Protein backbone atom coordinates (compact mmCIF):
# COMPACT_ATOMS: atom_id res chain seq x y z
CA ILE A 1 0.10 0.00 -0.09
CA LYS A 2 2.69 2.20 0.74
CA GLU A 3 4.67 1.22 -2.65
CA GLU A 4 1.26 2.17 -4.59
CA SER A 5 0.71 5.93 -2.85
CA GLN A 6 4.62 6.40 -3.38
CA ILE A 7 3.96 5.60 -7.30
CA GLU A 8 0.23 8.30 -7.50
CA LYS A 9 2.76 10.63 -5.24
CA ASN A 10 5.22 10.84 -8.12
CA GLN A 11 3.00 10.69 -10.70
CA ASN A 12 1.29 13.85 -9.52
CA ALA A 13 4.41 15.42 -8.60
CA CYS A 14 5.83 15.23 -12.44
CA ALA A 15 2.24 16.33 -13.71
CA SER A 16 4.08 19.86 -14.31
CA LYS A 17 7.28 18.75 -15.75
CA GLN A 18 7.25 15.33 -18.25
CA THR A 19 10.66 14.73 -20.12
CA SER A 20 10.44 12.42 -23.37
CA ILE A 21 14.03 11.42 -22.59
CA GLY A 22 13.76 7.34 -22.06
CA GLY A 23 16.22 4.50 -21.54
CA GLN A 24 17.02 0.96 -21.66
CA ALA A 25 19.01 -1.20 -19.12
CA LEU A 26 22.40 -2.26 -20.40
CA ILE A 27 25.05 -4.98 -19.47
CA GLU A 28 26.22 -2.92 -16.15
CA GLY A 29 25.19 0.07 -17.93
CA ILE A 30 22.07 2.08 -18.89
CA MET A 31 21.44 4.41 -22.29
CA MET A 32 19.55 7.15 -22.02
CA ARG A 33 17.85 8.52 -25.16
CA GLY A 34 17.19 12.41 -25.39
CA PRO A 35 15.61 14.52 -28.16
CA HIS A 36 18.87 16.18 -29.54
CA GLN A 37 21.95 13.81 -27.77
CA SER A 38 22.06 10.52 -26.27
CA ALA A 39 24.35 8.48 -23.93
CA MET A 40 25.38 5.18 -22.56
CA ALA A 41 27.00 4.87 -19.25
CA VAL A 42 28.89 1.34 -17.85
CA ARG A 43 30.39 0.47 -15.03
CA ARG A 44 33.82 -1.01 -15.82
CA PRO A 45 35.57 -3.48 -13.94
CA ASP A 46 37.72 -1.68 -11.87
CA LYS A 47 34.47 0.04 -10.83
CA SER A 48 34.68 3.85 -12.78
CA ILE A 49 32.02 4.92 -15.04
CA THR A 50 32.84 5.13 -18.92
CA THR A 51 30.33 7.77 -20.66
CA GLU A 52 29.33 7.77 -24.38
CA THR A 53 27.30 10.28 -26.04
CA TRP A 54 26.03 10.59 -29.86
CA GLU A 55 23.41 12.71 -31.79
CA THR A 56 20.00 11.20 -31.63
CA PHE A 57 18.99 11.96 -34.94
CA SER A 58 22.31 12.64 -36.85
CA GLY A 59 21.01 13.63 -39.91
CA GLY A 60 17.93 15.74 -37.81
CA LYS A 61 14.56 14.71 -37.57
CA LYS A 62 12.82 13.48 -40.18
CA TRP A 63 8.88 14.38 -41.24
CA TYR A 64 7.99 10.46 -40.36
CA HIS A 65 9.26 11.57 -36.73
CA SER A 66 6.65 13.68 -36.52
CA VAL A 67 3.77 11.70 -37.91
CA PRO A 68 0.92 9.54 -35.63
CA ILE A 69 1.47 5.47 -36.03
CA VAL A 70 4.52 6.20 -38.37
CA ARG A 71 6.35 7.78 -35.82
CA GLY A 72 5.87 4.59 -33.26
CA CYS A 73 6.77 2.10 -35.97
CA VAL A 74 10.01 3.93 -36.76
CA SER A 75 10.52 4.56 -32.97
CA PHE A 76 10.48 0.97 -32.41
CA VAL A 77 13.14 -0.08 -35.13
CA GLU A 78 15.16 2.35 -34.43
CA SER A 79 15.24 1.48 -30.61
CA LEU A 80 15.52 -2.21 -31.29
CA ARG A 81 18.85 -1.43 -33.24
CA VAL A 82 20.48 1.37 -31.27
CA GLY A 83 19.32 -0.97 -27.90
CA TYR A 84 21.67 -3.98 -29.31
CA ARG A 85 23.87 -1.84 -30.24
CA CYS A 86 24.54 -0.71 -26.78
CA LEU A 87 24.03 -3.68 -25.29
CA MET A 88 26.99 -5.45 -27.35
CA ARG A 89 28.95 -1.90 -26.19
CA SER A 90 28.07 -2.13 -23.04
CA ALA A 91 29.09 -5.99 -22.50
CA ASP A 92 32.23 -5.16 -24.31
CA LEU A 93 32.85 -2.31 -21.63
CA ALA A 94 31.91 -4.12 -18.47
CA GLY A 95 34.87 -7.10 -19.68
CA TYR A 96 31.69 -9.51 -20.49
CA GLU A 97 32.22 -9.64 -24.20
CA GLU A 98 33.04 -13.27 -25.58
CA GLU A 99 35.85 -14.50 -27.38
CA PRO A 100 34.83 -14.29 -31.02
CA SER A 101 34.48 -17.94 -32.74
CA ALA A 102 37.01 -18.50 -35.63
CA PHE A 103 33.93 -18.09 -38.08
CA GLU A 104 33.43 -14.48 -36.69
CA LYS A 105 37.01 -14.08 -36.78
CA LYS A 106 37.68 -14.92 -40.65
CA LEU A 107 34.60 -12.99 -41.57
CA ILE A 108 35.93 -9.60 -39.60
CA ASP A 109 39.74 -10.20 -41.03
CA LYS A 110 37.81 -10.58 -44.44
CA PHE A 111 35.33 -7.95 -44.80
CA GLY A 112 35.81 -6.10 -41.99
CA LYS A 113 33.33 -3.70 -39.72
CA LYS A 114 30.73 -4.66 -42.18
CA ALA A 115 30.96 -8.26 -41.29
CA SER A 116 30.73 -6.95 -37.79
CA ASP A 117 27.65 -5.27 -38.58
CA ALA A 118 26.24 -7.91 -40.50
CA LEU A 119 26.71 -9.87 -37.32
CA THR A 120 24.88 -7.83 -34.95
CA TYR A 121 22.05 -7.75 -37.24
CA LEU A 122 21.61 -11.68 -37.89
CA ALA A 123 21.61 -11.88 -34.37
CA MET A 124 18.94 -9.16 -33.63
CA LEU A 125 17.10 -10.84 -36.47
CA ILE A 126 16.94 -14.38 -35.16
CA GLY A 127 15.74 -12.55 -31.74
CA VAL A 128 12.77 -11.45 -33.78
CA VAL A 129 12.19 -14.25 -35.11
CA ALA A 130 11.90 -15.97 -32.14
CA ALA A 131 9.90 -13.48 -30.52
CA VAL A 132 7.21 -13.94 -33.52
CA LEU A 133 7.48 -17.49 -33.09
CA LEU A 134 6.89 -17.36 -29.50
CA PHE A 135 4.37 -15.07 -29.39
CA MET A 136 2.44 -15.12 -32.48
CA VAL A 137 2.89 -18.45 -34.36
CA LEU A 138 2.62 -20.65 -31.21
CA PRO A 139 -0.64 -18.96 -29.56
CA ALA A 140 -2.49 -18.87 -33.14
CA PHE A 141 -1.13 -22.69 -33.58
CA LEU A 142 -2.55 -23.16 -30.10
CA VAL A 143 -6.05 -22.25 -30.39
CA GLY A 144 -6.10 -23.21 -34.19
CA LEU A 145 -5.96 -27.10 -32.92
CA LEU A 146 -9.59 -26.12 -31.60
CA GLY A 147 -11.09 -26.22 -34.63
CA ASP A 148 -14.71 -25.10 -34.41
CA LEU A 149 -14.97 -26.30 -31.00
CA ILE A 150 -15.29 -22.65 -30.06
CA PRO A 151 -16.40 -19.39 -32.11
CA ASP A 152 -13.96 -17.35 -34.36
CA TRP A 153 -14.75 -13.87 -32.12
CA SER A 154 -13.76 -15.90 -29.04
CA ARG A 155 -10.39 -17.51 -30.62
CA THR A 156 -8.92 -14.58 -30.94
CA ILE A 157 -9.20 -13.26 -27.32
CA LEU A 158 -8.21 -16.89 -26.19
CA GLU A 159 -5.26 -16.19 -28.39
CA GLY A 160 -4.57 -12.60 -26.97
CA VAL A 161 -4.94 -14.53 -23.19
CA LEU A 162 -2.45 -17.20 -24.47
CA LYS A 163 -0.21 -14.28 -26.10
CA ILE A 164 -0.10 -12.09 -22.47
CA THR A 165 0.29 -15.59 -20.44
CA LEU A 166 3.55 -16.52 -22.11
CA PHE A 167 5.06 -13.24 -22.19
CA VAL A 168 4.36 -12.61 -18.22
CA LEU A 169 5.55 -16.49 -17.82
CA TYR A 170 8.47 -16.08 -19.62
CA LEU A 171 9.23 -12.47 -17.72
CA ALA A 172 8.72 -14.69 -14.40
CA VAL A 173 11.50 -16.94 -15.61
CA VAL A 174 14.16 -14.73 -16.67
CA SER A 175 13.58 -12.28 -13.69
CA ARG A 176 14.87 -15.37 -11.76
CA SER A 177 18.54 -15.21 -13.29
CA LYS A 178 20.96 -13.55 -11.31
CA ASP A 179 22.21 -12.00 -14.08
CA MET A 180 18.89 -10.62 -15.16
CA HIS A 181 18.33 -9.36 -11.62
CA ARG A 182 21.31 -6.84 -11.88
CA MET A 183 19.87 -5.95 -15.34
CA PHE A 184 16.54 -4.99 -13.68
CA GLN A 185 18.46 -3.03 -10.71
CA TYR A 186 19.82 -1.12 -13.75
CA HIS A 187 16.06 -0.63 -15.22
CA GLY A 188 14.80 0.22 -11.84
CA ALA A 189 17.80 3.12 -11.51
CA GLU A 190 16.74 4.09 -14.95
CA HIS A 191 13.16 4.66 -13.78
CA LYS A 192 14.05 6.39 -10.44
CA THR A 193 16.75 9.08 -12.19
CA ILE A 194 14.03 10.20 -14.66
CA ALA A 195 11.15 10.55 -11.96
CA CYS A 196 13.74 12.65 -9.77
CA TYR A 197 14.14 14.88 -12.97
CA GLU A 198 10.70 14.85 -13.97
CA ALA A 199 9.55 15.92 -9.93
CA GLY A 200 12.20 19.05 -10.67
CA GLU A 201 14.86 17.75 -7.86
CA GLU A 202 18.89 17.71 -8.25
CA LEU A 203 20.00 14.51 -9.55
CA THR A 204 21.78 13.08 -6.60
CA PRO A 205 21.59 9.30 -5.48
CA GLU A 206 20.45 10.45 -2.30
CA ASN A 207 17.31 12.51 -4.08
CA VAL A 208 17.03 9.71 -6.70
CA LYS A 209 16.30 7.11 -3.85
CA LYS A 210 13.24 8.46 -2.54
CA TYR A 211 11.48 7.64 -5.88
CA THR A 212 9.44 4.65 -7.12
CA ARG A 213 11.07 2.40 -9.86
CA PHE A 214 7.93 2.09 -12.12
CA HIS A 215 7.51 4.40 -14.70
CA PRO A 216 4.01 4.57 -17.32
CA ARG A 217 6.87 5.04 -20.26
CA CYS A 218 8.58 1.68 -19.99
CA GLY A 219 9.62 -0.54 -22.56
CA THR A 220 7.38 -3.43 -20.58
CA SER A 221 4.16 -1.51 -20.22
CA PHE A 222 4.83 -0.91 -23.84
CA LEU A 223 5.15 -4.84 -25.16
CA LEU A 224 1.89 -5.29 -22.61
CA ILE A 225 0.05 -2.87 -24.27
CA VAL A 226 0.96 -4.23 -28.04
CA LEU A 227 0.06 -7.37 -26.67
CA VAL A 228 -3.73 -6.13 -25.72
CA VAL A 229 -3.97 -4.21 -28.48
CA SER A 230 -3.11 -6.61 -30.98
CA VAL A 231 -6.33 -8.39 -29.76
CA LEU A 232 -8.38 -5.95 -31.53
CA VAL A 233 -6.49 -5.70 -34.39
CA PHE A 234 -6.36 -9.37 -35.30
CA SER A 235 -9.43 -9.94 -35.05
CA PHE A 236 -10.17 -8.81 -38.31
CA VAL A 237 -7.81 -11.42 -39.68
CA THR A 238 -8.87 -14.49 -40.68
CA TRP A 239 -8.75 -18.16 -38.95
CA ASN A 240 -8.71 -19.98 -42.34
CA SER A 241 -5.20 -21.08 -42.65
CA LEU A 242 -2.44 -20.59 -40.00
CA VAL A 243 -0.39 -19.50 -42.71
CA ILE A 244 -2.25 -16.57 -43.91
CA ARG A 245 -3.17 -15.56 -40.72
CA VAL A 246 0.33 -15.26 -39.45
CA LEU A 247 1.69 -13.24 -42.62
CA LEU A 248 -1.73 -11.11 -42.33
CA LYS A 249 -0.82 -10.48 -38.84
CA LEU A 250 3.10 -9.73 -39.65
CA VAL A 251 1.35 -6.94 -42.39
CA LEU A 252 -0.47 -5.39 -39.23
CA LEU A 253 2.22 -5.56 -37.01
CA PRO A 254 3.30 -1.94 -37.69
CA VAL A 255 -0.27 -0.68 -37.43
CA THR A 256 -0.54 -2.66 -34.25
CA VAL A 257 3.06 -1.04 -33.11
CA GLY A 258 2.23 2.07 -34.21
CA ILE A 259 -1.06 2.60 -32.28
CA SER A 260 -0.07 1.30 -28.66
CA PHE A 261 3.01 3.52 -29.05
CA GLU A 262 0.43 6.48 -29.00
CA ILE A 263 -1.52 4.83 -26.42
CA ILE A 264 1.73 4.79 -24.02
CA ARG A 265 2.99 8.35 -25.23
CA TYR A 266 -0.23 9.75 -24.04
CA ALA A 267 -0.12 7.89 -20.39
CA GLY A 268 3.30 9.19 -20.20
CA ARG A 269 2.28 12.94 -20.97
CA TYR A 270 -1.13 13.17 -19.22
CA SER A 271 -2.15 12.03 -15.43
CA ASN A 272 -5.84 11.36 -15.16
CA PRO A 273 -8.05 8.48 -14.44
CA LEU A 274 -7.84 7.19 -17.90
CA THR A 275 -4.04 7.02 -17.79
CA ARG A 276 -3.83 5.69 -14.92
CA LEU A 277 -6.15 2.15 -15.70
CA ILE A 278 -4.24 2.15 -18.66
CA SER A 279 -0.85 2.13 -17.21
CA ALA A 280 -1.83 0.53 -14.23
CA PRO A 281 -1.51 -3.37 -15.64
CA GLY A 282 2.41 -2.11 -16.94
CA LEU A 283 3.13 -0.78 -13.60
CA TRP A 284 2.37 -3.93 -11.96
CA LEU A 285 4.23 -6.11 -14.50
CA GLN A 286 7.17 -3.97 -13.65
CA ARG A 287 7.51 -5.69 -10.59
CA LEU A 288 9.18 -8.52 -12.61
CA THR A 289 11.33 -6.72 -14.97
CA THR A 290 12.52 -3.82 -12.22
CA ALA A 291 14.42 -4.14 -8.94
CA GLU A 292 15.58 -1.98 -6.13
CA PRO A 293 18.90 -0.33 -7.51
CA ASP A 294 22.01 0.29 -5.03
CA THR A 295 23.93 3.35 -4.48
CA GLU A 296 26.23 2.17 -7.85
CA HIS A 297 23.39 1.92 -10.06
CA ILE A 298 21.94 4.95 -9.81
CA GLU A 299 25.45 7.13 -10.14
CA VAL A 300 25.33 4.68 -13.54
CA ALA A 301 22.13 6.21 -14.07
CA ILE A 302 22.67 9.73 -13.71
CA ALA A 303 25.85 9.70 -15.58
CA SER A 304 23.95 8.51 -18.47
CA MET A 305 21.03 10.68 -17.98
CA LEU A 306 22.78 13.96 -17.32
CA PRO A 307 24.20 14.64 -21.16
CA CYS A 308 20.80 13.88 -22.46
CA ILE A 309 19.23 17.02 -20.93
CA PRO A 310 18.99 19.96 -23.14
CA SER A 311 19.72 23.30 -21.69
CA ASP A 312 16.77 25.09 -23.60
CA GLY A 313 14.03 22.33 -21.86
CA SER A 314 12.92 21.39 -25.43
CA ASP A 315 12.85 17.78 -23.83
CA GLN A 316 9.56 18.63 -21.83
CA TRP A 317 6.05 17.61 -23.09
CA GLY A 318 3.18 20.34 -22.57
CA ASN A 319 0.12 19.27 -20.75
């Protein structure tokens, strides 16, 4: 009850100052993405903190970054690409990088950086394919086995329930890993630091510790909203063939992602009964994907946040 009260208190405190800056937990680090500047901070094996920065939009913002629905799809793809690169880079800085295999060494020796980039995109593609198989193909296949035992309209709902159940179970299993628990502590530090900044307080470990580790603009909440929205969007897809259904769902996936982005963007900008209702399931789910951070995690979060804050206040969303 005390924790729930703190969440509501923090949301109300942030009502007049809400930033568009968002982040991602890495291996022994955090990446923050601001409107102009992005940064990642990583705790090195010697306990020092290394910070790297880059322009968020290297060629400037394009027209599609401002178009509703479209900007959500673009943002999702960019987040996957940048997030994966930062994850690999953080592993290297933190001393977790594994020795390349003989095959990888040959490719890198022959093709240089292009081979390294290709391997990165291949690994990312494999991850996306695995997610599609687990959260899209498997639920459709299992529900399809029921045949005519249930009507079409209830199949879509049952499929959605299966997807959400698989997602929650996956997070519950992953959260039991010792290494993932440490990453989830960085995730919690990221949320606390953003909440502290939105409340207008100076970013110090002491101030950051006071805030909640739950935040409505979180990737976990976004993925949950995607699953819920997909139930509505995919209800228009035929059940006549599993292959056709999966292909049509892949075609409609950008629409689902775009709508979900607008929903979570709205929930992150405003604090009212509707947004609190929208945010509630995601905030609950963050109990699995965040953990209370220590000072060492918060220090890294602050180091990644500071370079992303524009002096002109252009990171703020008005109400």
